[in-house]
């Protein structure tokens, strides 16, 4: 059961990453980055409130900030969208596994 939930979380993250990658093909602006970064931070705060932040999320946020500071807004938006996907997947994992342990069979 736990394996299925992990697969679901990873599938959700992959889907969001693919959707974000296709929308990031157009030239991105600083405003696009700020919007994407704000969404990623909001999702990360939700994961934090559920006490299930993933370290790759923080790395993706840092990469987004670094790319934006360098003026590469296409890369910054892509990294921010990746961070948002990871944060949402970690929140999904926390909520889906919250009571899943009760369904386990004790042997």
Protein backbone atom coordinates (compact mmCIF):
# COMPACT_ATOMS: atom_id res chain seq x y z
CA UNK A 1 0.00 0.00 0.00
CA UNK A 2 2.80 2.42 0.90
CA UNK A 3 4.48 1.67 -2.42
CA UNK A 4 1.30 2.57 -4.28
CA UNK A 5 1.04 5.88 -2.43
CA UNK A 6 4.64 6.72 -3.22
CA UNK A 7 4.04 5.86 -6.88
CA UNK A 8 0.97 8.11 -6.85
CA UNK A 9 2.93 10.99 -5.33
CA UNK A 10 5.70 10.59 -7.86
CA UNK A 11 3.21 10.37 -10.73
CA UNK A 12 1.57 13.58 -9.51
CA UNK A 13 4.94 15.32 -9.33
CA UNK A 14 5.89 14.10 -12.80
CA UNK A 15 2.60 15.30 -14.25
CA UNK A 16 3.01 18.75 -12.78
CA UNK A 17 6.61 18.90 -13.97
CA UNK A 18 5.60 17.99 -17.51
CA UNK A 19 2.80 20.54 -17.51
CA UNK A 20 5.18 23.18 -16.17
CA UNK A 21 7.87 22.34 -18.70
CA UNK A 22 5.54 22.72 -21.65
CA UNK A 23 4.26 26.08 -20.45
CA UNK A 24 7.81 27.28 -19.80
CA UNK A 25 8.81 26.93 -23.45
CA UNK A 26 7.83 30.52 -24.17
CA UNK A 27 10.19 33.30 -23.12
CA UNK A 28 9.63 34.05 -19.45
CA UNK A 29 9.77 37.42 -17.77
CA UNK A 30 10.68 38.53 -14.28
CA UNK A 31 6.95 38.79 -13.53
CA UNK A 32 6.48 35.17 -14.63
CA UNK A 33 9.29 34.14 -12.30
CA UNK A 34 7.85 36.07 -9.37
CA UNK A 35 4.45 34.45 -9.86
CA UNK A 36 5.92 30.96 -10.20
CA UNK A 37 8.21 31.48 -7.19
CA UNK A 38 5.33 32.75 -5.04
CA UNK A 39 3.26 29.69 -5.95
CA UNK A 40 6.19 27.42 -5.10
CA UNK A 41 6.74 29.13 -1.76
CA UNK A 42 3.04 28.84 -0.91
CA UNK A 43 3.06 25.12 -1.70
CA UNK A 44 6.25 24.70 0.35
CA UNK A 45 4.63 26.47 3.32
CA UNK A 46 1.70 24.07 3.07
CA UNK A 47 4.12 21.13 3.12
CA UNK A 48 5.85 22.69 6.13
CA UNK A 49 2.55 22.99 7.97
CA UNK A 50 2.07 19.26 7.36
CA UNK A 51 5.63 18.66 8.63
CA UNK A 52 6.68 16.98 5.38
CA UNK A 53 9.03 19.25 3.46
CA UNK A 54 11.33 17.52 1.01
CA UNK A 55 14.94 18.70 0.70
CA UNK A 56 14.83 18.67 -3.14
CA UNK A 57 12.14 21.37 -2.90
CA UNK A 58 14.54 23.70 -1.10
CA UNK A 59 17.21 22.94 -3.69
CA UNK A 60 14.82 23.74 -6.55
CA UNK A 61 13.80 27.02 -4.87
CA UNK A 62 17.46 27.96 -4.48
CA UNK A 63 18.14 27.09 -8.13
CA UNK A 64 15.19 29.24 -9.19
CA UNK A 65 16.46 32.20 -7.18
CA UNK A 66 20.00 31.76 -8.55
CA UNK A 67 18.76 31.61 -12.16
CA UNK A 68 16.59 34.70 -11.63
CA UNK A 69 19.52 36.59 -10.12
CA UNK A 70 21.51 35.71 -13.25
CA UNK A 71 18.67 36.98 -15.45
CA UNK A 72 17.77 33.55 -16.85
CA UNK A 73 14.03 33.76 -16.26
CA UNK A 74 13.20 30.74 -18.41
CA UNK A 75 15.35 28.54 -16.16
CA UNK A 76 14.13 30.36 -13.05
CA UNK A 77 10.48 29.72 -13.91
CA UNK A 78 11.20 26.07 -14.73
CA UNK A 79 12.99 25.56 -11.40
CA UNK A 80 10.20 27.35 -9.50
CA UNK A 81 7.59 25.14 -11.16
CA UNK A 82 9.66 22.08 -10.26
CA UNK A 83 9.82 23.28 -6.65
CA UNK A 84 6.05 23.78 -6.63
CA UNK A 85 5.48 20.27 -7.99
CA UNK A 86 7.78 18.77 -5.38
CA UNK A 87 6.12 20.72 -2.58
CA UNK A 88 2.66 19.66 -3.73
CA UNK A 89 3.78 16.04 -3.95
CA UNK A 90 5.19 16.19 -0.43
CA UNK A 91 1.91 17.67 0.85
CA UNK A 92 -0.01 14.95 -0.98
CA UNK A 93 2.22 12.32 0.58
CA UNK A 94 1.67 13.73 4.06
CA UNK A 95 -2.10 13.80 3.73
CA UNK A 96 -2.44 10.44 2.01
CA UNK A 97 -0.22 8.67 4.53
CA UNK A 98 -1.63 10.42 7.59
CA UNK A 99 -4.03 7.62 8.42
CA UNK A 100 -2.76 4.94 6.06
CA UNK A 101 -0.89 3.20 8.84
CA UNK A 102 -4.26 2.24 10.37
CA UNK A 103 -5.03 0.11 7.31
CA UNK A 104 -1.88 -1.96 7.70
CA UNK A 105 -2.34 -5.53 8.78
CA UNK A 106 -0.55 -6.42 11.98
CA UNK A 107 0.97 -9.87 11.78
